[in-house]
C-alpha atoms as a PDB file:
ATOM      1  CA  MET A   1      29.669 130.297  13.455  1.00  0.00           C
ATOM      2  CA  LYS A   2      29.884 127.676  16.181  1.00  0.00           C
ATOM      3  CA  ILE A   3      33.206 125.927  16.876  1.00  0.00           C
ATOM      4  CA  ALA A   4      34.367 123.294  19.379  1.00  0.00           C
ATOM      5  CA  SER A   5      37.369 124.181  21.493  1.00  0.00           C
ATOM      6  CA  TYR A   6      39.414 122.731  24.374  1.00  0.00           C
ATOM      7  CA  SER A   7      39.985 124.569  27.637  1.00  0.00           C
ATOM      8  CA  ALA A   8      42.449 122.008  29.117  1.00  0.00           C
ATOM      9  CA  TYR A   9      43.451 118.399  29.022  1.00  0.00           C
ATOM     10  CA  GLY A  10      40.830 116.315  30.735  1.00  0.00           C
ATOM     11  CA  GLY A  11      37.406 114.736  30.384  1.00  0.00           C
ATOM     12  CA  PRO A  12      34.671 115.469  27.895  1.00  0.00           C
ATOM     13  CA  GLU A  13      33.605 118.439  29.999  1.00  0.00           C
ATOM     14  CA  THR A  14      36.692 120.346  28.859  1.00  0.00           C
ATOM     15  CA  ILE A  15      35.340 120.666  25.320  1.00  0.00           C
ATOM     16  CA  ALA A  16      32.902 123.467  24.673  1.00  0.00           C
ATOM     17  CA  ILE A  17      31.091 125.129  21.801  1.00  0.00           C
ATOM     18  CA  THR A  18      31.820 128.837  21.344  1.00  0.00           C
ATOM     19  CA  ASP A  19      31.260 131.483  18.731  1.00  0.00           C
ATOM     20  CA  ALA A  20      33.822 132.599  16.136  1.00  0.00           C
ATOM     21  CA  PRO A  21      33.681 134.678  12.940  1.00  0.00           C
ATOM     22  CA  ILE A  22      33.298 132.795   9.633  1.00  0.00           C
ATOM     23  CA  PRO A  23      36.699 132.819   7.899  1.00  0.00           C
ATOM     24  CA  ARG A  24      37.237 134.169   4.379  1.00  0.00           C
ATOM     25  CA  PRO A  25      39.124 132.044   1.862  1.00  0.00           C
ATOM     26  CA  ALA A  26      42.363 133.585   0.617  1.00  0.00           C
ATOM     27  CA  ALA A  27      43.720 133.021  -2.887  1.00  0.00           C
ATOM     28  CA  GLY A  28      43.902 129.284  -3.585  1.00  0.00           C
ATOM     29  CA  GLU A  29      41.606 128.382  -0.690  1.00  0.00           C
ATOM     30  CA  VAL A  30      38.086 126.995  -0.368  1.00  0.00           C
ATOM     31  CA  LEU A  31      35.535 127.873   2.340  1.00  0.00           C
ATOM     32  CA  ILE A  32      33.652 124.719   3.381  1.00  0.00           C
ATOM     33  CA  ARG A  33      30.325 124.618   5.126  1.00  0.00           C
ATOM     34  CA  VAL A  34      30.778 121.500   7.303  1.00  0.00           C
ATOM     35  CA  ARG A  35      27.750 119.198   7.359  1.00  0.00           C
ATOM     36  CA  ALA A  36      29.244 116.308   9.355  1.00  0.00           C
ATOM     37  CA  ALA A  37      32.454 115.356  11.107  1.00  0.00           C
ATOM     38  CA  PRO A  38      33.654 112.276  12.975  1.00  0.00           C
ATOM     39  CA  VAL A  39      34.550 112.102  16.608  1.00  0.00           C
ATOM     40  CA  THR A  40      37.190 109.366  16.924  1.00  0.00           C
ATOM     41  CA  ALA A  41      39.243 107.613  19.550  1.00  0.00           C
ATOM     42  CA  GLY A  42      42.104 109.850  18.355  1.00  0.00           C
ATOM     43  CA  ASP A  43      40.079 112.973  19.091  1.00  0.00           C
ATOM     44  CA  ALA A  44      39.405 111.642  22.611  1.00  0.00           C
ATOM     45  CA  ARG A  45      43.111 110.964  23.146  1.00  0.00           C
ATOM     46  CA  MET A  46      44.098 114.451  21.984  1.00  0.00           C
ATOM     47  CA  ARG A  47      41.584 115.965  24.410  1.00  0.00           C
ATOM     48  CA  SER A  48      42.461 113.775  27.371  1.00  0.00           C
ATOM     49  CA  GLY A  49      46.222 113.466  26.826  1.00  0.00           C
ATOM     50  CA  LYS A  50      45.815 109.715  27.519  1.00  0.00           C
ATOM     51  CA  VAL A  51      47.770 107.907  24.901  1.00  0.00           C
ATOM     52  CA  PRO A  52      49.592 104.542  24.730  1.00  0.00           C
ATOM     53  CA  ARG A  53      52.353 104.143  27.263  1.00  0.00           C
ATOM     54  CA  GLY A  54      55.484 106.159  26.697  1.00  0.00           C
ATOM     55  CA  LEU A  55      53.892 108.562  24.191  1.00  0.00           C
ATOM     56  CA  GLY A  56      52.391 111.119  26.632  1.00  0.00           C
ATOM     57  CA  LEU A  57      55.302 113.501  26.723  1.00  0.00           C
ATOM     58  CA  MET A  58      55.798 113.358  22.959  1.00  0.00           C
ATOM     59  CA  LEU A  59      52.138 114.203  22.499  1.00  0.00           C
ATOM     60  CA  ARG A  60      52.322 117.226  24.821  1.00  0.00           C
ATOM     61  CA  LEU A  61      55.540 118.494  23.252  1.00  0.00           C
ATOM     62  CA  ALA A  62      53.810 118.350  19.882  1.00  0.00           C
ATOM     63  CA  ILE A  63      50.411 119.877  20.692  1.00  0.00           C
ATOM     64  CA  GLY A  64      50.814 121.705  24.034  1.00  0.00           C
ATOM     65  CA  LEU A  65      52.170 121.094  27.479  1.00  0.00           C
ATOM     66  CA  ARG A  66      49.236 122.435  29.512  1.00  0.00           C
ATOM     67  CA  ARG A  67      46.355 122.193  27.046  1.00  0.00           C
ATOM     68  CA  PRO A  68      45.869 121.042  23.458  1.00  0.00           C
ATOM     69  CA  ARG A  69      46.741 123.836  21.125  1.00  0.00           C
ATOM     70  CA  VAL A  70      45.345 122.092  18.075  1.00  0.00           C
ATOM     71  CA  ALA A  71      41.734 122.540  17.173  1.00  0.00           C
ATOM     72  CA  PRO A  72      39.376 119.577  17.616  1.00  0.00           C
ATOM     73  CA  GLY A  73      38.511 117.338  14.589  1.00  0.00           C
ATOM     74  CA  TRP A  74      40.502 116.374  11.501  1.00  0.00           C
ATOM     75  CA  ALA A  75      37.993 115.071   8.973  1.00  0.00           C
ATOM     76  CA  PHE A  76      34.780 116.441   7.488  1.00  0.00           C
ATOM     77  CA  ALA A  77      32.156 116.357   4.801  1.00  0.00           C
ATOM     78  CA  GLY A  78      30.222 119.384   3.564  1.00  0.00           C
ATOM     79  CA  GLU A  79      29.630 121.846   0.754  1.00  0.00           C
ATOM     80  CA  VAL A  80      31.710 124.468  -0.911  1.00  0.00           C
ATOM     81  CA  ALA A  81      30.506 127.833   0.498  1.00  0.00           C
ATOM     82  CA  ALA A  82      32.932 130.179  -1.288  1.00  0.00           C
ATOM     83  CA  LEU A  83      36.081 130.152  -3.421  1.00  0.00           C
ATOM     84  CA  GLY A  84      39.273 132.146  -3.022  1.00  0.00           C
ATOM     85  CA  GLN A  85      40.854 133.895  -5.970  1.00  0.00           C
ATOM     86  CA  GLY A  86      42.162 131.557  -8.685  1.00  0.00           C
ATOM     87  CA  VAL A  87      40.323 128.416  -7.568  1.00  0.00           C
ATOM     88  CA  THR A  88      38.822 126.585 -10.524  1.00  0.00           C
ATOM     89  CA  THR A  89      38.817 122.935  -9.329  1.00  0.00           C
ATOM     90  CA  PHE A  90      35.695 123.254  -7.179  1.00  0.00           C
ATOM     91  CA  THR A  91      32.404 125.050  -7.558  1.00  0.00           C
ATOM     92  CA  PRO A  92      30.045 126.746  -4.993  1.00  0.00           C
ATOM     93  CA  GLY A  93      27.530 124.281  -3.595  1.00  0.00           C
ATOM     94  CA  GLN A  94      29.618 121.247  -4.535  1.00  0.00           C
ATOM     95  CA  ARG A  95      29.640 118.322  -2.092  1.00  0.00           C
ATOM     96  CA  VAL A  96      33.102 117.592  -0.752  1.00  0.00           C
ATOM     97  CA  PHE A  97      34.973 115.662   1.919  1.00  0.00           C
ATOM     98  CA  GLY A  98      38.508 115.822   3.239  1.00  0.00           C
ATOM     99  CA  LEU A  99      41.027 116.190   5.990  1.00  0.00           C
ATOM    100  CA  THR A 100      42.299 119.214   7.869  1.00  0.00           C
ATOM    101  CA  GLY A 101      45.617 117.535   8.813  1.00  0.00           C
ATOM    102  CA  PHE A 102      47.409 117.720  12.127  1.00  0.00           C
ATOM    103  CA  LYS A 103      46.205 121.262  12.799  1.00  0.00           C
ATOM    104  CA  GLY A 104      42.692 119.983  13.230  1.00  0.00           C
ATOM    105  CA  GLY A 105      39.678 122.257  13.106  1.00  0.00           C
ATOM    106  CA  SER A 106      36.880 120.213  11.492  1.00  0.00           C
ATOM    107  CA  HIS A 107      34.562 120.421  14.546  1.00  0.00           C
ATOM    108  CA  ARG A 108      33.083 123.739  13.430  1.00  0.00           C
ATOM    109  CA  GLU A 109      30.430 124.988  11.076  1.00  0.00           C
ATOM    110  CA  PHE A 110      32.812 126.488   8.543  1.00  0.00           C
ATOM    111  CA  LEU A 111      36.486 125.846   7.742  1.00  0.00           C
ATOM    112  CA  VAL A 112      39.027 127.036   5.149  1.00  0.00           C
ATOM    113  CA  ILE A 113      41.279 124.567   3.330  1.00  0.00           C
ATOM    114  CA  LYS A 114      43.667 124.800   0.372  1.00  0.00           C
ATOM    115  CA  ALA A 115      42.046 123.787  -2.901  1.00  0.00           C
ATOM    116  CA  ALA A 116      45.144 121.738  -3.704  1.00  0.00           C
ATOM    117  CA  GLY A 117      45.054 120.108  -0.263  1.00  0.00           C
ATOM    118  CA  PRO A 118      43.403 116.882   1.003  1.00  0.00           C
ATOM    119  CA  LEU A 119      39.981 117.714  -0.468  1.00  0.00           C
ATOM    120  CA  LEU A 120      37.930 115.639  -2.902  1.00  0.00           C
ATOM    121  CA  PRO A 121      34.417 115.725  -4.419  1.00  0.00           C
ATOM    122  CA  LEU A 122      32.020 113.634  -2.355  1.00  0.00           C
ATOM    123  CA  PRO A 123      30.418 110.985  -4.584  1.00  0.00           C
ATOM    124  CA  GLU A 124      26.653 110.567  -4.614  1.00  0.00           C
ATOM    125  CA  THR A 125      27.170 107.023  -3.280  1.00  0.00           C
ATOM    126  CA  LEU A 126      28.094 108.476   0.133  1.00  0.00           C
ATOM    127  CA  THR A 127      26.038 110.513   2.532  1.00  0.00           C
ATOM    128  CA  PHE A 128      27.536 113.441   4.420  1.00  0.00           C
ATOM    129  CA  GLU A 129      27.784 111.190   7.527  1.00  0.00           C
ATOM    130  CA  GLU A 130      29.527 108.448   5.539  1.00  0.00           C
ATOM    131  CA  GLY A 131      31.829 110.993   3.895  1.00  0.00           C
ATOM    132  CA  ALA A 132      32.807 112.350   7.285  1.00  0.00           C
ATOM    133  CA  ALA A 133      33.644 108.911   8.590  1.00  0.00           C
ATOM    134  CA  PHE A 134      35.307 107.742   5.352  1.00  0.00           C
ATOM    135  CA  PHE A 135      38.992 108.418   5.945  1.00  0.00           C
ATOM    136  CA  PHE A 136      39.785 107.799   9.639  1.00  0.00           C
ATOM    137  CA  GLY A 137      39.737 104.010   9.725  1.00  0.00           C
ATOM    138  CA  GLY A 138      39.839 103.447   6.011  1.00  0.00           C
ATOM    139  CA  LEU A 139      43.207 105.074   5.366  1.00  0.00           C
ATOM    140  CA  THR A 140      44.813 103.132   8.251  1.00  0.00           C
ATOM    141  CA  ALA A 141      43.359  99.771   7.214  1.00  0.00           C
ATOM    142  CA  ALA A 142      44.199 100.163   3.553  1.00  0.00           C
ATOM    143  CA  GLU A 143      47.809 101.193   4.105  1.00  0.00           C
ATOM    144  CA  PHE A 144      48.570  98.444   6.611  1.00  0.00           C
ATOM    145  CA  LEU A 145      46.798  95.648   4.752  1.00  0.00           C
ATOM    146  CA  ILE A 146      47.869  96.549   1.231  1.00  0.00           C
ATOM    147  CA  ASP A 147      51.248  98.347   1.560  1.00  0.00           C
ATOM    148  CA  ARG A 148      52.714  97.111   4.803  1.00  0.00           C
ATOM    149  CA  ALA A 149      51.377  93.571   5.334  1.00  0.00           C
ATOM    150  CA  GLY A 150      50.835  92.755   1.632  1.00  0.00           C
ATOM    151  CA  LEU A 151      47.652  90.764   2.309  1.00  0.00           C
ATOM    152  CA  ALA A 152      47.126  88.377  -0.649  1.00  0.00           C
ATOM    153  CA  PRO A 153      44.048  86.517  -1.979  1.00  0.00           C
ATOM    154  CA  GLY A 154      43.439  83.328  -0.140  1.00  0.00           C
ATOM    155  CA  GLU A 155      45.392  84.312   2.972  1.00  0.00           C
ATOM    156  CA  ARG A 156      43.791  84.190   6.427  1.00  0.00           C
ATOM    157  CA  LEU A 157      43.212  87.500   8.193  1.00  0.00           C
ATOM    158  CA  LEU A 158      42.239  88.018  11.868  1.00  0.00           C
ATOM    159  CA  VAL A 159      40.862  91.384  12.893  1.00  0.00           C
ATOM    160  CA  ALA A 160      40.883  91.694  16.689  1.00  0.00           C
ATOM    161  CA  GLY A 161      38.364  94.467  17.417  1.00  0.00           C
ATOM    162  CA  ALA A 162      36.441  94.251  14.200  1.00  0.00           C
ATOM    163  CA  THR A 163      33.535  96.769  14.425  1.00  0.00           C
ATOM    164  CA  GLY A 164      35.137 100.109  15.203  1.00  0.00           C
ATOM    165  CA  SER A 165      36.490 102.624  12.639  1.00  0.00           C
ATOM    166  CA  VAL A 166      39.768 100.797  11.835  1.00  0.00           C
ATOM    167  CA  GLY A 167      38.527  97.229  12.483  1.00  0.00           C
ATOM    168  CA  GLY A 168      35.413  97.642  10.399  1.00  0.00           C
ATOM    169  CA  ALA A 169      37.463  99.000   7.545  1.00  0.00           C
ATOM    170  CA  ALA A 170      39.960  96.166   7.865  1.00  0.00           C
ATOM    171  CA  VAL A 171      37.273  93.527   7.676  1.00  0.00           C
ATOM    172  CA  GLN A 172      35.771  95.058   4.478  1.00  0.00           C
ATOM    173  CA  ILE A 173      39.075  95.687   2.731  1.00  0.00           C
ATOM    174  CA  GLY A 174      40.409  92.283   3.741  1.00  0.00           C
ATOM    175  CA  ARG A 175      37.353  90.596   2.262  1.00  0.00           C
ATOM    176  CA  HIS A 176      37.655  92.673  -0.874  1.00  0.00           C
ATOM    177  CA  LEU A 177      41.289  91.625  -1.312  1.00  0.00           C
ATOM    178  CA  GLY A 178      40.190  88.002  -1.278  1.00  0.00           C
ATOM    179  CA  ALA A 179      41.254  86.976   2.219  1.00  0.00           C
ATOM    180  CA  HIS A 180      39.361  84.674   4.605  1.00  0.00           C
ATOM    181  CA  VAL A 181      38.397  87.010   7.380  1.00  0.00           C
ATOM    182  CA  SER A 182      37.996  86.021  11.038  1.00  0.00           C
ATOM    183  CA  ALA A 183      36.933  88.672  13.555  1.00  0.00           C
ATOM    184  CA  THR A 184      36.616  89.158  17.269  1.00  0.00           C
ATOM    185  CA  ALA A 185      33.974  91.477  18.736  1.00  0.00           C
ATOM    186  CA  SER A 186      31.516  91.709  21.605  1.00  0.00           C
ATOM    187  CA  PRO A 187      28.404  89.616  21.128  1.00  0.00           C
ATOM    188  CA  ALA A 188      26.262  92.707  20.526  1.00  0.00           C
ATOM    189  CA  ASN A 189      28.388  93.516  17.496  1.00  0.00           C
ATOM    190  CA  HIS A 190      28.642  90.056  15.905  1.00  0.00           C
ATOM    191  CA  ALA A 191      25.904  90.817  13.367  1.00  0.00           C
ATOM    192  CA  LEU A 192      27.690  94.010  12.305  1.00  0.00           C
ATOM    193  CA  ALA A 193      31.019  92.145  11.878  1.00  0.00           C
ATOM    194  CA  ARG A 194      29.331  89.568   9.636  1.00  0.00           C
ATOM    195  CA  LYS A 195      27.533  92.353   7.648  1.00  0.00           C
ATOM    196  CA  LEU A 196      30.970  93.956   7.041  1.00  0.00           C
ATOM    197  CA  GLY A 197      32.276  90.726   5.572  1.00  0.00           C
ATOM    198  CA  ALA A 198      33.661  88.529   8.342  1.00  0.00           C
ATOM    199  CA  ASP A 199      33.513  84.836   7.552  1.00  0.00           C
ATOM    200  CA  GLU A 200      33.512  83.936  11.231  1.00  0.00           C
ATOM    201  CA  VAL A 201      33.136  85.955  14.425  1.00  0.00           C
ATOM    202  CA  THR A 202      34.025  85.015  18.000  1.00  0.00           C
ATOM    203  CA  ASP A 203      33.481  86.750  21.329  1.00  0.00           C
ATOM    204  CA  TYR A 204      36.705  88.629  22.212  1.00  0.00           C
ATOM    205  CA  ARG A 205      36.211  87.733  25.848  1.00  0.00           C
ATOM    206  CA  ASN A 206      36.656  84.070  25.013  1.00  0.00           C
ATOM    207  CA  GLY A 207      39.953  84.451  23.222  1.00  0.00           C
ATOM    208  CA  SER A 208      40.810  84.353  19.611  1.00  0.00           C
ATOM    209  CA  PRO A 209      39.811  81.750  17.010  1.00  0.00           C
ATOM    210  CA  PRO A 210      42.413  79.088  16.238  1.00  0.00           C
ATOM    211  CA  GLY A 211      45.094  80.040  13.775  1.00  0.00           C
ATOM    212  CA  PRO A 212      47.302  80.008  11.972  1.00  0.00           C
ATOM    213  CA  PHE A 213      46.695  83.429  10.444  1.00  0.00           C
ATOM    214  CA  ASP A 214      48.805  85.108   7.734  1.00  0.00           C
ATOM    215  CA  VAL A 215      47.902  88.600   8.961  1.00  0.00           C
ATOM    216  CA  ILE A 216      46.574  89.722  12.310  1.00  0.00           C
ATOM    217  CA  VAL A 217      45.295  93.261  12.829  1.00  0.00           C
ATOM    218  CA  ASP A 218      45.288  94.031  16.563  1.00  0.00           C
ATOM    219  CA  VAL A 219      43.286  97.254  16.790  1.00  0.00           C
ATOM    220  CA  MET A 220      43.348  97.996  20.538  1.00  0.00           C
ATOM    221  CA  GLY A 221      46.453  96.044  21.611  1.00  0.00           C
ATOM    222  CA  ALA A 222      44.434  93.228  23.087  1.00  0.00           C
ATOM    223  CA  LEU A 223      46.919  90.601  21.820  1.00  0.00           C
ATOM    224  CA  GLY A 224      50.292  92.173  21.447  1.00  0.00           C
ATOM    225  CA  TRP A 225      53.239  90.115  20.257  1.00  0.00           C
ATOM    226  CA  GLN A 226      52.960  87.500  23.003  1.00  0.00           C
ATOM    227  CA  GLY A 227      49.273  86.906  22.397  1.00  0.00           C
ATOM    228  CA  ALA A 228      49.549  86.942  18.596  1.00  0.00           C
ATOM    229  CA  ARG A 229      52.643  84.829  18.226  1.00  0.00           C
ATOM    230  CA  PRO A 230      50.986  81.429  18.698  1.00  0.00           C
ATOM    231  CA  LEU A 231      48.297  82.422  16.167  1.00  0.00           C
ATOM    232  CA  LEU A 232      50.621  83.605  13.395  1.00  0.00           C
ATOM    233  CA  ALA A 233      51.621  81.472  10.427  1.00  0.00           C
ATOM    234  CA  PRO A 234      55.369  80.961   9.890  1.00  0.00           C
ATOM    235  CA  LYS A 235      55.586  84.056   7.666  1.00  0.00           C
ATOM    236  CA  GLY A 236      52.724  85.907   9.380  1.00  0.00           C
ATOM    237  CA  ARG A 237      52.472  89.627   9.863  1.00  0.00           C
ATOM    238  CA  LEU A 238      51.156  91.303  13.041  1.00  0.00           C
ATOM    239  CA  VAL A 239      49.764  94.798  12.679  1.00  0.00           C
ATOM    240  CA  LEU A 240      49.604  96.756  15.959  1.00  0.00           C
ATOM    241  CA  ILE A 241      47.337  99.697  15.375  1.00  0.00           C
ATOM    242  CA  THR A 242      47.467 101.086  18.987  1.00  0.00           C
ATOM    243  CA  ALA A 243      51.112 100.514  19.770  1.00  0.00           C
ATOM    244  CA  ASP A 244      52.903 101.953  22.795  1.00  0.00           C
ATOM    245  CA  LEU A 245      56.446 103.379  22.593  1.00  0.00           C
ATOM    246  CA  ALA A 246      58.166 100.110  23.496  1.00  0.00           C
ATOM    247  CA  GLN A 247      56.221  98.254  20.796  1.00  0.00           C
ATOM    248  CA  MET A 248      57.017 100.879  18.204  1.00  0.00           C
ATOM    249  CA  LEU A 249      60.712 100.796  19.080  1.00  0.00           C
ATOM    250  CA  GLY A 250      60.677  97.022  19.101  1.00  0.00           C
ATOM    251  CA  SER A 251      59.140  96.810  15.676  1.00  0.00           C
ATOM    252  CA  ALA A 252      61.607  99.292  14.294  1.00  0.00           C
ATOM    253  CA  LEU A 253      64.669  97.625  15.810  1.00  0.00           C
ATOM    254  CA  ARG A 254      63.523  94.031  15.404  1.00  0.00           C
ATOM    255  CA  PRO A 255      60.674  93.840  12.859  1.00  0.00           C
ATOM    256  CA  ASN A 256      61.437  90.220  11.909  1.00  0.00           C
ATOM    257  CA  ARG A 257      60.893  87.615  14.591  1.00  0.00           C
ATOM    258  CA  ASP A 258      61.292  83.916  13.760  1.00  0.00           C
ATOM    259  CA  GLY A 259      60.228  84.680  10.193  1.00  0.00           C
ATOM    260  CA  ARG A 260      57.250  86.761  11.333  1.00  0.00           C
ATOM    261  CA  ARG A 261      56.936  90.525  11.113  1.00  0.00           C
ATOM    262  CA  VAL A 262      55.580  93.142  13.554  1.00  0.00           C
ATOM    263  CA  LEU A 263      54.205  96.323  11.896  1.00  0.00           C
ATOM    264  CA  THR A 264      53.507  99.604  13.696  1.00  0.00           C
ATOM    265  CA  GLY A 265      53.511 103.317  12.879  1.00  0.00           C
ATOM    266  CA  THR A 266      51.154 105.816  11.283  1.00  0.00           C
ATOM    267  CA  ASN A 267      49.515 105.970   7.910  1.00  0.00           C
ATOM    268  CA  LYS A 268      49.750 108.552   5.147  1.00  0.00           C
ATOM    269  CA  ASP A 269      46.811 110.915   4.665  1.00  0.00           C
ATOM    270  CA  ASP A 270      47.783 112.496   1.340  1.00  0.00           C
ATOM    271  CA  LEU A 271      45.728 112.800  -1.836  1.00  0.00           C
ATOM    272  CA  PRO A 272      47.000 109.579  -3.500  1.00  0.00           C
ATOM    273  CA  SER A 273      46.051 107.587  -0.420  1.00  0.00           C
ATOM    274  CA  MET A 274      42.609 109.282  -0.282  1.00  0.00           C
ATOM    275  CA  ARG A 275      42.023 108.593  -3.952  1.00  0.00           C
ATOM    276  CA  ARG A 276      43.002 104.932  -3.592  1.00  0.00           C
ATOM    277  CA  LEU A 277      40.481 104.502  -0.756  1.00  0.00           C
ATOM    278  CA  LEU A 278      37.803 106.206  -2.858  1.00  0.00           C
ATOM    279  CA  ALA A 279      38.625 103.760  -5.655  1.00  0.00           C
ATOM    280  CA  LEU A 280      38.150 100.841  -3.203  1.00  0.00           C
ATOM    281  CA  HIS A 281      34.720 102.240  -2.321  1.00  0.00           C
ATOM    282  CA  GLN A 282      33.798 102.596  -5.988  1.00  0.00           C
ATOM    283  CA  ALA A 283      34.862  98.995  -6.567  1.00  0.00           C
ATOM    284  CA  GLY A 284      32.518  97.868  -3.743  1.00  0.00           C
ATOM    285  CA  GLY A 285      35.269  97.190  -1.282  1.00  0.00           C
ATOM    286  CA  TYR A 286      34.701  99.792   1.425  1.00  0.00           C
ATOM    287  CA  THR A 287      31.973 101.966   2.881  1.00  0.00           C
ATOM    288  CA  PRO A 288      32.353 103.136   6.505  1.00  0.00           C
ATOM    289  CA  ALA A 289      29.872 101.634   8.918  1.00  0.00           C
ATOM    290  CA  LEU A 290      27.978 104.299  10.862  1.00  0.00           C
ATOM    291  CA  GLY A 291      27.395 104.072  14.572  1.00  0.00           C
ATOM    292  CA  PRO A 292      25.982 106.854  16.768  1.00  0.00           C
ATOM    293  CA  ILE A 293      25.023 110.068  14.976  1.00  0.00           C
ATOM    294  CA  LEU A 294      24.665 113.047  17.274  1.00  0.00           C
ATOM    295  CA  PRO A 295      23.954 116.762  16.831  1.00  0.00           C
ATOM    296  CA  PHE A 296      26.977 119.035  17.016  1.00  0.00           C
ATOM    297  CA  ALA A 297      25.575 120.523  20.260  1.00  0.00           C
ATOM    298  CA  ASP A 298      26.203 117.081  21.888  1.00  0.00           C
ATOM    299  CA  ILE A 299      29.903 116.944  21.065  1.00  0.00           C
ATOM    300  CA  ALA A 300      30.866 116.437  24.712  1.00  0.00           C
ATOM    301  CA  LYS A 301      28.614 113.399  24.805  1.00  0.00           C
ATOM    302  CA  ALA A 302      30.211 112.179  21.588  1.00  0.00           C
ATOM    303  CA  HIS A 303      33.624 112.419  23.166  1.00  0.00           C
ATOM    304  CA  ALA A 304      32.427 110.410  26.150  1.00  0.00           C
ATOM    305  CA  ILE A 305      31.267 107.669  23.791  1.00  0.00           C
ATOM    306  CA  ALA A 306      34.457 107.798  21.726  1.00  0.00           C
ATOM    307  CA  GLU A 307      36.756 107.359  24.681  1.00  0.00           C
ATOM    308  CA  SER A 308      34.884 104.207  25.787  1.00  0.00           C
ATOM    309  CA  PHE A 309      36.487 102.453  22.770  1.00  0.00           C
ATOM    310  CA  HIS A 310      33.473 100.172  22.513  1.00  0.00           C
ATOM    311  CA  LYS A 311      31.324 102.021  19.982  1.00  0.00           C
ATOM    312  CA  PRO A 312      30.089 100.038  16.969  1.00  0.00           C
ATOM    313  CA  GLY A 313      30.889 101.692  13.675  1.00  0.00           C
ATOM    314  CA  ASN A 314      31.861 105.360  13.281  1.00  0.00           C
ATOM    315  CA  LEU A 315      30.610 108.148  15.579  1.00  0.00           C
ATOM    316  CA  VAL A 316      29.636 111.300  13.711  1.00  0.00           C
ATOM    317  CA  VAL A 317      28.327 114.718  14.712  1.00  0.00           C
ATOM    318  CA  VAL A 318      26.095 116.635  12.264  1.00  0.00           C
ATOM    319  CA  MET A 319      25.646 120.364  11.974  1.00  0.00           C
ATOM    320  CA  THR A 320      22.250 121.968  11.959  1.00  0.00           C
ATOM    321  CA  ALA A 321      21.038 123.425   8.603  1.00  0.00           C
END
């Protein structure tokens, strides 16, 4: 089988496609034939080692000082190719989608995952490409809007950076929750933001629309606390998706500021969270928007697009039949 691997921290040229044997599922495991996998901004950061300020050493201590020791890719959609002993919850040929977790390894033609792990049947309402893109932005947006910010019907939501993986999901889920959704995006992406459910869209280069907003989702850190503060309602909540170390420490030590709250951190990627997001989709509240779709052979090009942080929708690579 073909797999993607890193040779060092660096640019897209450090990722290559090599050959490896197809793994065999052990007892309790499932062999998946991967049909599609996303290439995200997170993948680009893992490869390059370029992360928000103050987090670089922490990243390298976690995944490797000189080169990434985790395999590329963490989400996938595909088909069950074989079952390990004792697996009865899935069947050969069944369409599935899921997560590989922090170990990575979805950028390959076959992978092994525990049957009881983060793996679900892929509904017929989603293509393989949509299934691959389903969890990356959706899990983040759902947890921060529902659990952390407590977005309520009738509240005003601003999504700064509204057409990428996280921002696009936040627009859809915010609209589904009954909020009035304002969005910022580049002019080329205004139509997509409206299609996703934004009530109004402004050019991010011209600043943000007038507040006050009950919840602000700052996807790329364009606003920060200083930029968001004048736009927040008295009990507003600011969600910093791409927070640096100082912002994370600040939100932990001083989350409440003049009655407003700053929210940072990571989201859960467990089965209950995955099932809730799937329920949102089935209720008409979320389907990932697709952007560039490239063949697996062009994964280095996909990384170059992902690290530009200006792609519309979700970037996906597809495996050949």
